[in-house]
Amino acid sequence: MGSLKDRIREDLTAAMRVRDEVAKSTLRSVLTAITKAEVAGKQQSTLTDGQVIGVIRSELGKRKEAGEIYAGAGRDELAAREGAEADILAPYLPPEISDEALGSIVAEELANARQAGVEGPRAMGAVIKAVRERVGAQAEGSRIAQAVKAALAGS
């Protein structure tokens, strides 16, 4: 199978064939965001699947936030559309790691940091980096940071 970007393009073509307007507009906007990320900076590059997942995660977050704002303002129709767009993007992300598995990885990396002589708040950055390398795209950065803060507070 090709890259994640290719899969999104194929799904866009399929959405166009069946005239699914929500899927079509959502996938087009994601491809636009990916292209913007590729041409940002001084030199154009092709994003890896991991970087594309980051863009999709960002776009998904925008839809969830917009849906909450619309729902809070009583704009149920717009909130439903944002929710539908979020449902279209969710399958492109890898499954989330469980809280228990994340907690055990954080505990292991915290123990490694202590063995290296780094403790307390100074260990936070190193532990977050190590956990992020181990879990990859299976957990958002904010979720990792929260787990590390909780583990540091509990120790």
N, C-alpha and C. Protein backbone atom coordinates (compact mmCIF):
# COMPACT_ATOMS: atom_id res chain seq x y z
N MET A 1 0.84 -1.17 0.00
CA MET A 1 0.00 0.00 0.00
C MET A 1 0.89 1.24 0.00
N GLY A 2 0.40 2.30 -0.60
CA GLY A 2 1.16 3.53 -0.70
C GLY A 2 1.15 4.31 0.59
N SER A 3 1.50 5.55 0.47
CA SER A 3 1.56 6.41 1.65
C SER A 3 0.16 6.80 2.12
N LEU A 4 0.12 7.37 3.29
CA LEU A 4 -1.15 7.83 3.85
C LEU A 4 -1.75 8.94 2.99
N LYS A 5 -0.89 9.79 2.47
CA LYS A 5 -1.35 10.87 1.59
C LYS A 5 -2.01 10.28 0.33
N ASP A 6 -1.43 9.23 -0.21
CA ASP A 6 -2.02 8.57 -1.39
C ASP A 6 -3.38 7.97 -1.04
N ARG A 7 -3.47 7.40 0.15
CA ARG A 7 -4.75 6.81 0.59
C ARG A 7 -5.83 7.89 0.70
N ILE A 8 -5.45 9.06 1.20
CA ILE A 8 -6.41 10.16 1.31
C ILE A 8 -6.85 10.60 -0.08
N ARG A 9 -5.91 10.66 -1.01
CA ARG A 9 -6.26 11.04 -2.39
C ARG A 9 -7.23 10.03 -3.01
N GLU A 10 -6.97 8.75 -2.78
CA GLU A 10 -7.86 7.71 -3.31
C GLU A 10 -9.25 7.82 -2.70
N ASP A 11 -9.30 8.08 -1.41
CA ASP A 11 -10.58 8.23 -0.74
C ASP A 11 -11.32 9.47 -1.22
N LEU A 12 -10.57 10.52 -1.55
CA LEU A 12 -11.18 11.73 -2.11
C LEU A 12 -11.81 11.41 -3.46
N THR A 13 -11.10 10.67 -4.29
CA THR A 13 -11.64 10.28 -5.59
C THR A 13 -12.92 9.46 -5.42
N ALA A 14 -12.92 8.53 -4.46
CA ALA A 14 -14.10 7.72 -4.21
C ALA A 14 -15.26 8.60 -3.72
N ALA A 15 -14.97 9.57 -2.87
CA ALA A 15 -16.02 10.48 -2.36
C ALA A 15 -16.59 11.32 -3.50
N MET A 16 -15.75 11.70 -4.43
CA MET A 16 -16.22 12.48 -5.57
C MET A 16 -17.14 11.64 -6.46
N ARG A 17 -16.79 10.36 -6.62
CA ARG A 17 -17.61 9.47 -7.44
C ARG A 17 -19.01 9.29 -6.89
N VAL A 18 -19.10 9.17 -5.56
CA VAL A 18 -20.41 8.94 -4.94
C VAL A 18 -21.08 10.24 -4.51
N ARG A 19 -20.44 11.34 -4.84
CA ARG A 19 -20.97 12.69 -4.54
C ARG A 19 -21.22 12.91 -3.04
N ASP A 20 -20.26 12.47 -2.23
CA ASP A 20 -20.31 12.69 -0.79
C ASP A 20 -19.64 14.04 -0.51
N GLU A 21 -20.45 15.07 -0.38
CA GLU A 21 -19.93 16.44 -0.27
C GLU A 21 -19.14 16.67 1.01
N VAL A 22 -19.59 16.10 2.12
CA VAL A 22 -18.88 16.30 3.39
C VAL A 22 -17.50 15.65 3.32
N ALA A 23 -17.45 14.41 2.87
CA ALA A 23 -16.16 13.72 2.76
C ALA A 23 -15.26 14.43 1.76
N LYS A 24 -15.83 14.86 0.66
CA LYS A 24 -15.04 15.54 -0.37
C LYS A 24 -14.40 16.81 0.18
N SER A 25 -15.19 17.65 0.82
CA SER A 25 -14.63 18.91 1.33
C SER A 25 -13.64 18.67 2.47
N THR A 26 -13.93 17.68 3.31
CA THR A 26 -13.03 17.38 4.43
C THR A 26 -11.68 16.87 3.92
N LEU A 27 -11.71 15.92 3.00
CA LEU A 27 -10.46 15.36 2.49
C LEU A 27 -9.68 16.38 1.68
N ARG A 28 -10.37 17.23 0.95
CA ARG A 28 -9.67 18.31 0.22
C ARG A 28 -8.97 19.25 1.19
N SER A 29 -9.65 19.60 2.27
CA SER A 29 -9.03 20.53 3.23
C SER A 29 -7.82 19.89 3.90
N VAL A 30 -7.88 18.60 4.17
CA VAL A 30 -6.74 17.91 4.77
C VAL A 30 -5.58 17.85 3.79
N LEU A 31 -5.86 17.54 2.52
CA LEU A 31 -4.80 17.52 1.52
C LEU A 31 -4.18 18.91 1.37
N THR A 32 -4.99 19.95 1.45
CA THR A 32 -4.47 21.31 1.39
C THR A 32 -3.55 21.59 2.57
N ALA A 33 -3.95 21.17 3.77
CA ALA A 33 -3.13 21.35 4.96
C ALA A 33 -1.81 20.59 4.84
N ILE A 34 -1.85 19.39 4.26
CA ILE A 34 -0.64 18.61 4.06
C ILE A 34 0.29 19.33 3.08
N THR A 35 -0.28 19.82 1.99
CA THR A 35 0.52 20.53 0.99
C THR A 35 1.14 21.79 1.58
N LYS A 36 0.37 22.52 2.38
CA LYS A 36 0.92 23.72 3.04
C LYS A 36 2.09 23.36 3.93
N ALA A 37 1.97 22.25 4.65
CA ALA A 37 3.06 21.81 5.52
C ALA A 37 4.28 21.42 4.71
N GLU A 38 4.06 20.85 3.53
CA GLU A 38 5.18 20.43 2.69
C GLU A 38 5.94 21.61 2.10
N VAL A 39 5.24 22.69 1.80
CA VAL A 39 5.91 23.83 1.17
C VAL A 39 6.31 24.90 2.18
N ALA A 40 6.00 24.70 3.44
CA ALA A 40 6.39 25.66 4.47
C ALA A 40 7.90 25.62 4.65
N GLY A 41 8.46 26.74 4.98
CA GLY A 41 9.90 26.81 5.21
C GLY A 41 10.64 27.19 3.94
N LYS A 42 11.94 27.03 4.01
CA LYS A 42 12.78 27.47 2.90
C LYS A 42 12.83 26.47 1.76
N GLN A 43 12.61 25.20 2.07
CA GLN A 43 12.73 24.17 1.04
C GLN A 43 11.52 23.24 1.10
N GLN A 44 10.98 22.93 -0.07
CA GLN A 44 9.84 22.02 -0.15
C GLN A 44 10.28 20.60 0.19
N SER A 45 9.41 19.88 0.89
CA SER A 45 9.72 18.50 1.25
C SER A 45 8.46 17.67 1.16
N THR A 46 8.62 16.37 1.19
CA THR A 46 7.50 15.45 1.22
C THR A 46 7.37 14.94 2.65
N LEU A 47 6.18 15.04 3.21
CA LEU A 47 5.96 14.61 4.58
C LEU A 47 5.96 13.09 4.68
N THR A 48 6.48 12.60 5.80
CA THR A 48 6.40 11.17 6.09
C THR A 48 4.99 10.87 6.59
N ASP A 49 4.66 9.60 6.68
CA ASP A 49 3.34 9.22 7.20
C ASP A 49 3.15 9.73 8.63
N GLY A 50 4.21 9.71 9.42
CA GLY A 50 4.13 10.22 10.78
C GLY A 50 3.80 11.70 10.82
N GLN A 51 4.41 12.46 9.92
CA GLN A 51 4.13 13.89 9.85
C GLN A 51 2.72 14.15 9.33
N VAL A 52 2.28 13.33 8.37
CA VAL A 52 0.91 13.46 7.86
C VAL A 52 -0.08 13.17 8.97
N ILE A 53 0.22 12.19 9.82
CA ILE A 53 -0.65 11.89 10.96
C ILE A 53 -0.73 13.10 11.88
N GLY A 54 0.38 13.80 12.06
CA GLY A 54 0.39 15.01 12.86
C GLY A 54 -0.53 16.09 12.29
N VAL A 55 -0.51 16.24 10.96
CA VAL A 55 -1.38 17.22 10.30
C VAL A 55 -2.84 16.80 10.48
N ILE A 56 -3.13 15.52 10.28
CA ILE A 56 -4.50 15.03 10.43
C ILE A 56 -4.97 15.21 11.87
N ARG A 57 -4.10 14.92 12.83
CA ARG A 57 -4.45 15.09 14.24
C ARG A 57 -4.79 16.55 14.53
N SER A 58 -4.02 17.46 13.94
CA SER A 58 -4.28 18.89 14.11
C SER A 58 -5.63 19.28 13.50
N GLU A 59 -5.90 18.79 12.30
CA GLU A 59 -7.17 19.09 11.63
C GLU A 59 -8.35 18.50 12.41
N LEU A 60 -8.16 17.32 12.96
CA LEU A 60 -9.20 16.68 13.76
C LEU A 60 -9.48 17.51 15.02
N GLY A 61 -8.42 17.99 15.64
CA GLY A 61 -8.58 18.83 16.82
C GLY A 61 -9.34 20.10 16.52
N LYS A 62 -9.07 20.70 15.36
CA LYS A 62 -9.79 21.91 14.95
C LYS A 62 -11.28 21.63 14.81
N ARG A 63 -11.61 20.49 14.21
CA ARG A 63 -13.03 20.14 14.03
C ARG A 63 -13.72 19.89 15.36
N LYS A 64 -13.04 19.19 16.26
CA LYS A 64 -13.64 18.93 17.57
C LYS A 64 -13.87 20.22 18.34
N GLU A 65 -12.88 21.11 18.30
CA GLU A 65 -13.01 22.38 18.99
C GLU A 65 -14.13 23.23 18.40
N ALA A 66 -14.18 23.28 17.07
CA ALA A 66 -15.25 24.04 16.41
C ALA A 66 -16.62 23.45 16.74
N GLY A 67 -16.72 22.13 16.76
CA GLY A 67 -17.98 21.48 17.09
C GLY A 67 -18.45 21.84 18.49
N GLU A 68 -17.50 21.87 19.44
CA GLU A 68 -17.85 22.24 20.81
C GLU A 68 -18.33 23.69 20.88
N ILE A 69 -17.66 24.57 20.15
CA ILE A 69 -18.05 25.98 20.15
C ILE A 69 -19.43 26.14 19.54
N TYR A 70 -19.67 25.48 18.42
CA TYR A 70 -20.99 25.57 17.78
C TYR A 70 -22.08 25.01 18.68
N ALA A 71 -21.80 23.88 19.32
CA ALA A 71 -22.79 23.27 20.21
C ALA A 71 -23.09 24.20 21.39
N GLY A 72 -22.06 24.83 21.92
CA GLY A 72 -22.25 25.74 23.03
C GLY A 72 -23.05 26.98 22.65
N ALA A 73 -22.97 27.34 21.37
CA ALA A 73 -23.70 28.52 20.88
C ALA A 73 -25.08 28.16 20.36
N GLY A 74 -25.46 26.89 20.46
CA GLY A 74 -26.78 26.47 20.00
C GLY A 74 -26.87 26.27 18.49
N ARG A 75 -25.74 26.17 17.82
CA ARG A 75 -25.71 25.97 16.37
C ARG A 75 -25.53 24.48 16.09
N ASP A 76 -26.58 23.72 16.37
CA ASP A 76 -26.51 22.26 16.30
C ASP A 76 -26.21 21.75 14.90
N GLU A 77 -26.71 22.41 13.87
CA GLU A 77 -26.47 21.98 12.49
C GLU A 77 -24.97 22.06 12.15
N LEU A 78 -24.34 23.16 12.54
CA LEU A 78 -22.91 23.31 12.27
C LEU A 78 -22.08 22.38 13.14
N ALA A 79 -22.52 22.17 14.37
CA ALA A 79 -21.83 21.24 15.26
C ALA A 79 -21.89 19.82 14.70
N ALA A 80 -23.03 19.45 14.13
CA ALA A 80 -23.17 18.11 13.53
C ALA A 80 -22.25 17.96 12.33
N ARG A 81 -22.10 19.02 11.52
CA ARG A 81 -21.22 18.94 10.36
C ARG A 81 -19.76 18.77 10.81
N GLU A 82 -19.36 19.53 11.82
CA GLU A 82 -17.99 19.40 12.33
C GLU A 82 -17.77 17.99 12.88
N GLY A 83 -18.79 17.44 13.55
CA GLY A 83 -18.69 16.07 14.05
C GLY A 83 -18.57 15.06 12.93
N ALA A 84 -19.31 15.28 11.84
CA ALA A 84 -19.23 14.38 10.68
C ALA A 84 -17.84 14.45 10.05
N GLU A 85 -17.28 15.65 9.98
CA GLU A 85 -15.92 15.79 9.43
C GLU A 85 -14.90 15.11 10.32
N ALA A 86 -15.07 15.22 11.63
CA ALA A 86 -14.17 14.54 12.57
C ALA A 86 -14.26 13.02 12.40
N ASP A 87 -15.48 12.52 12.17
CA ASP A 87 -15.67 11.08 11.96
C ASP A 87 -14.98 10.60 10.68
N ILE A 88 -14.89 11.47 9.69
CA ILE A 88 -14.22 11.11 8.43
C ILE A 88 -12.71 11.04 8.65
N LEU A 89 -12.16 11.92 9.49
CA LEU A 89 -10.71 11.97 9.70
C LEU A 89 -10.20 10.92 10.68
N ALA A 90 -11.01 10.53 11.65
CA ALA A 90 -10.57 9.62 12.71
C ALA A 90 -9.97 8.30 12.21
N PRO A 91 -10.51 7.67 11.17
CA PRO A 91 -9.94 6.39 10.73
C PRO A 91 -8.51 6.48 10.18
N TYR A 92 -8.04 7.67 9.86
CA TYR A 92 -6.68 7.82 9.33
C TYR A 92 -5.64 7.83 10.43
N LEU A 93 -6.07 7.94 11.67
CA LEU A 93 -5.15 7.96 12.79
C LEU A 93 -4.96 6.55 13.35
N PRO A 94 -3.76 6.27 13.87
CA PRO A 94 -3.56 4.95 14.50
C PRO A 94 -4.36 4.87 15.78
N PRO A 95 -4.65 3.65 16.24
CA PRO A 95 -5.42 3.52 17.49
C PRO A 95 -4.64 4.12 18.66
N GLU A 96 -5.37 4.72 19.58
CA GLU A 96 -4.76 5.33 20.76
C GLU A 96 -4.26 4.26 21.71
N ILE A 97 -3.15 4.53 22.34
CA ILE A 97 -2.60 3.62 23.35
C ILE A 97 -3.46 3.74 24.61
N SER A 98 -3.63 2.66 25.32
CA SER A 98 -4.46 2.69 26.53
C SER A 98 -3.77 3.50 27.63
N ASP A 99 -4.58 3.98 28.58
CA ASP A 99 -4.04 4.75 29.70
C ASP A 99 -3.08 3.91 30.53
N GLU A 100 -3.41 2.62 30.70
CA GLU A 100 -2.55 1.74 31.49
C GLU A 100 -1.20 1.55 30.82
N ALA A 101 -1.20 1.31 29.50
CA ALA A 101 0.05 1.12 28.78
C ALA A 101 0.87 2.40 28.79
N LEU A 102 0.22 3.53 28.60
CA LEU A 102 0.93 4.81 28.64
C LEU A 102 1.52 5.04 30.02
N GLY A 103 0.76 4.74 31.04
CA GLY A 103 1.25 4.91 32.41
C GLY A 103 2.46 4.05 32.71
N SER A 104 2.47 2.82 32.20
CA SER A 104 3.62 1.95 32.46
C SER A 104 4.86 2.43 31.71
N ILE A 105 4.68 2.95 30.50
CA ILE A 105 5.81 3.49 29.74
C ILE A 105 6.36 4.73 30.44
N VAL A 106 5.47 5.58 30.92
CA VAL A 106 5.91 6.78 31.66
C VAL A 106 6.68 6.37 32.90
N ALA A 107 6.20 5.36 33.64
CA ALA A 107 6.88 4.90 34.85
C ALA A 107 8.28 4.37 34.52
N GLU A 108 8.39 3.61 33.43
CA GLU A 108 9.69 3.08 33.03
C GLU A 108 10.66 4.20 32.68
N GLU A 109 10.18 5.18 31.90
CA GLU A 109 11.06 6.28 31.49
C GLU A 109 11.41 7.18 32.67
N LEU A 110 10.51 7.32 33.61
CA LEU A 110 10.79 8.10 34.82
C LEU A 110 11.87 7.40 35.64
N ALA A 111 11.79 6.08 35.73
CA ALA A 111 12.82 5.31 36.44
C ALA A 111 14.17 5.45 35.74
N ASN A 112 14.16 5.42 34.41
CA ASN A 112 15.40 5.61 33.65
C ASN A 112 16.00 6.98 33.91
N ALA A 113 15.15 8.01 33.98
CA ALA A 113 15.63 9.36 34.25
C ALA A 113 16.24 9.45 35.64
N ARG A 114 15.60 8.79 36.61
CA ARG A 114 16.14 8.79 37.97
C ARG A 114 17.50 8.11 38.03
N GLN A 115 17.66 7.01 37.29
CA GLN A 115 18.94 6.31 37.25
C GLN A 115 20.02 7.18 36.64
N ALA A 116 19.60 8.07 35.71
CA ALA A 116 20.55 8.99 35.08
C ALA A 116 20.83 10.20 35.96
N GLY A 117 20.16 10.28 37.12
CA GLY A 117 20.40 11.36 38.05
C GLY A 117 19.52 12.58 37.86
N VAL A 118 18.48 12.47 37.04
CA VAL A 118 17.57 13.59 36.80
C VAL A 118 16.26 13.28 37.51
N GLU A 119 15.86 14.18 38.42
CA GLU A 119 14.62 13.96 39.16
C GLU A 119 13.80 15.23 39.20
N GLY A 120 12.54 15.07 39.63
CA GLY A 120 11.66 16.21 39.80
C GLY A 120 11.29 16.89 38.50
N PRO A 121 10.97 18.16 38.57
CA PRO A 121 10.53 18.90 37.38
C PRO A 121 11.57 18.93 36.26
N ARG A 122 12.85 18.83 36.62
CA ARG A 122 13.89 18.83 35.59
C ARG A 122 13.80 17.61 34.68
N ALA A 123 13.21 16.55 35.16
CA ALA A 123 13.11 15.31 34.37
C ALA A 123 11.98 15.36 33.35
N MET A 124 11.08 16.30 33.50
CA MET A 124 9.87 16.31 32.67
C MET A 124 10.16 16.30 31.18
N GLY A 125 11.01 17.19 30.71
CA GLY A 125 11.30 17.28 29.28
C GLY A 125 11.91 15.99 28.73
N ALA A 126 12.87 15.45 29.46
CA ALA A 126 13.53 14.23 29.01
C ALA A 126 12.57 13.05 28.99
N VAL A 127 11.72 12.96 30.00
CA VAL A 127 10.78 11.85 30.07
C VAL A 127 9.74 11.97 28.97
N ILE A 128 9.21 13.18 28.74
CA ILE A 128 8.24 13.37 27.67
C ILE A 128 8.84 12.98 26.33
N LYS A 129 10.06 13.40 26.07
CA LYS A 129 10.73 13.07 24.80
C LYS A 129 10.88 11.56 24.64
N ALA A 130 11.32 10.89 25.70
CA ALA A 130 11.52 9.44 25.63
C ALA A 130 10.19 8.70 25.43
N VAL A 131 9.15 9.15 26.12
CA VAL A 131 7.84 8.51 25.97
C VAL A 131 7.31 8.74 24.57
N ARG A 132 7.45 9.96 24.06
CA ARG A 132 6.97 10.29 22.72
C ARG A 132 7.66 9.41 21.66
N GLU A 133 8.95 9.15 21.85
CA GLU A 133 9.67 8.28 20.91
C GLU A 133 9.13 6.85 20.96
N ARG A 134 8.76 6.40 22.14
CA ARG A 134 8.28 5.01 22.28
C ARG A 134 6.85 4.83 21.78
N VAL A 135 5.97 5.78 22.03
CA VAL A 135 4.57 5.59 21.65
C VAL A 135 4.27 6.12 20.26
N GLY A 136 5.13 6.96 19.72
CA GLY A 136 4.91 7.48 18.37
C GLY A 136 3.61 8.24 18.25
N ALA A 137 2.83 7.91 17.25
CA ALA A 137 1.58 8.63 16.97
C ALA A 137 0.39 8.03 17.72
N GLN A 138 0.65 7.13 18.65
CA GLN A 138 -0.45 6.49 19.37
C GLN A 138 -0.99 7.32 20.52
N ALA A 139 -0.36 8.47 20.79
CA ALA A 139 -0.86 9.34 21.85
C ALA A 139 -0.50 10.78 21.49
N GLU A 140 -1.42 11.68 21.80
CA GLU A 140 -1.18 13.10 21.56
C GLU A 140 -0.16 13.61 22.56
N GLY A 141 0.55 14.64 22.17
CA GLY A 141 1.56 15.22 23.04
C GLY A 141 0.99 15.72 24.36
N SER A 142 -0.21 16.30 24.31
CA SER A 142 -0.82 16.80 25.55
C SER A 142 -1.15 15.66 26.50
N ARG A 143 -1.56 14.55 25.95
CA ARG A 143 -1.89 13.39 26.79
C ARG A 143 -0.62 12.83 27.44
N ILE A 144 0.48 12.81 26.69
CA ILE A 144 1.75 12.34 27.23
C ILE A 144 2.20 13.28 28.35
N ALA A 145 2.12 14.59 28.09
CA ALA A 145 2.54 15.56 29.09
C ALA A 145 1.72 15.43 30.37
N GLN A 146 0.42 15.23 30.24
CA GLN A 146 -0.42 15.07 31.43
C GLN A 146 -0.03 13.83 32.22
N ALA A 147 0.26 12.73 31.52
CA ALA A 147 0.64 11.50 32.21
C ALA A 147 1.98 11.69 32.95
N VAL A 148 2.92 12.39 32.31
CA VAL A 148 4.22 12.62 32.95
C VAL A 148 4.05 13.54 34.16
N LYS A 149 3.26 14.60 34.02
CA LYS A 149 3.02 15.51 35.16
C LYS A 149 2.40 14.75 36.32
N ALA A 150 1.43 13.90 36.03
CA ALA A 150 0.77 13.13 37.09
C ALA A 150 1.76 12.19 37.77
N ALA A 151 2.63 11.56 36.98
CA ALA A 151 3.60 10.64 37.56
C ALA A 151 4.62 11.40 38.40
N LEU A 152 5.03 12.57 37.95
CA LEU A 152 5.99 13.36 38.72
C LEU A 152 5.37 13.87 40.02
N ALA A 153 4.09 14.25 39.96
CA ALA A 153 3.39 14.74 41.15
C ALA A 153 3.20 13.61 42.17
N GLY A 154 3.03 12.40 41.67
CA GLY A 154 2.79 11.27 42.54
C GLY A 154 4.06 10.70 43.14
N SER A 155 5.22 11.11 42.60
CA SER A 155 6.47 10.51 43.12
C SER A 155 7.13 11.34 44.19
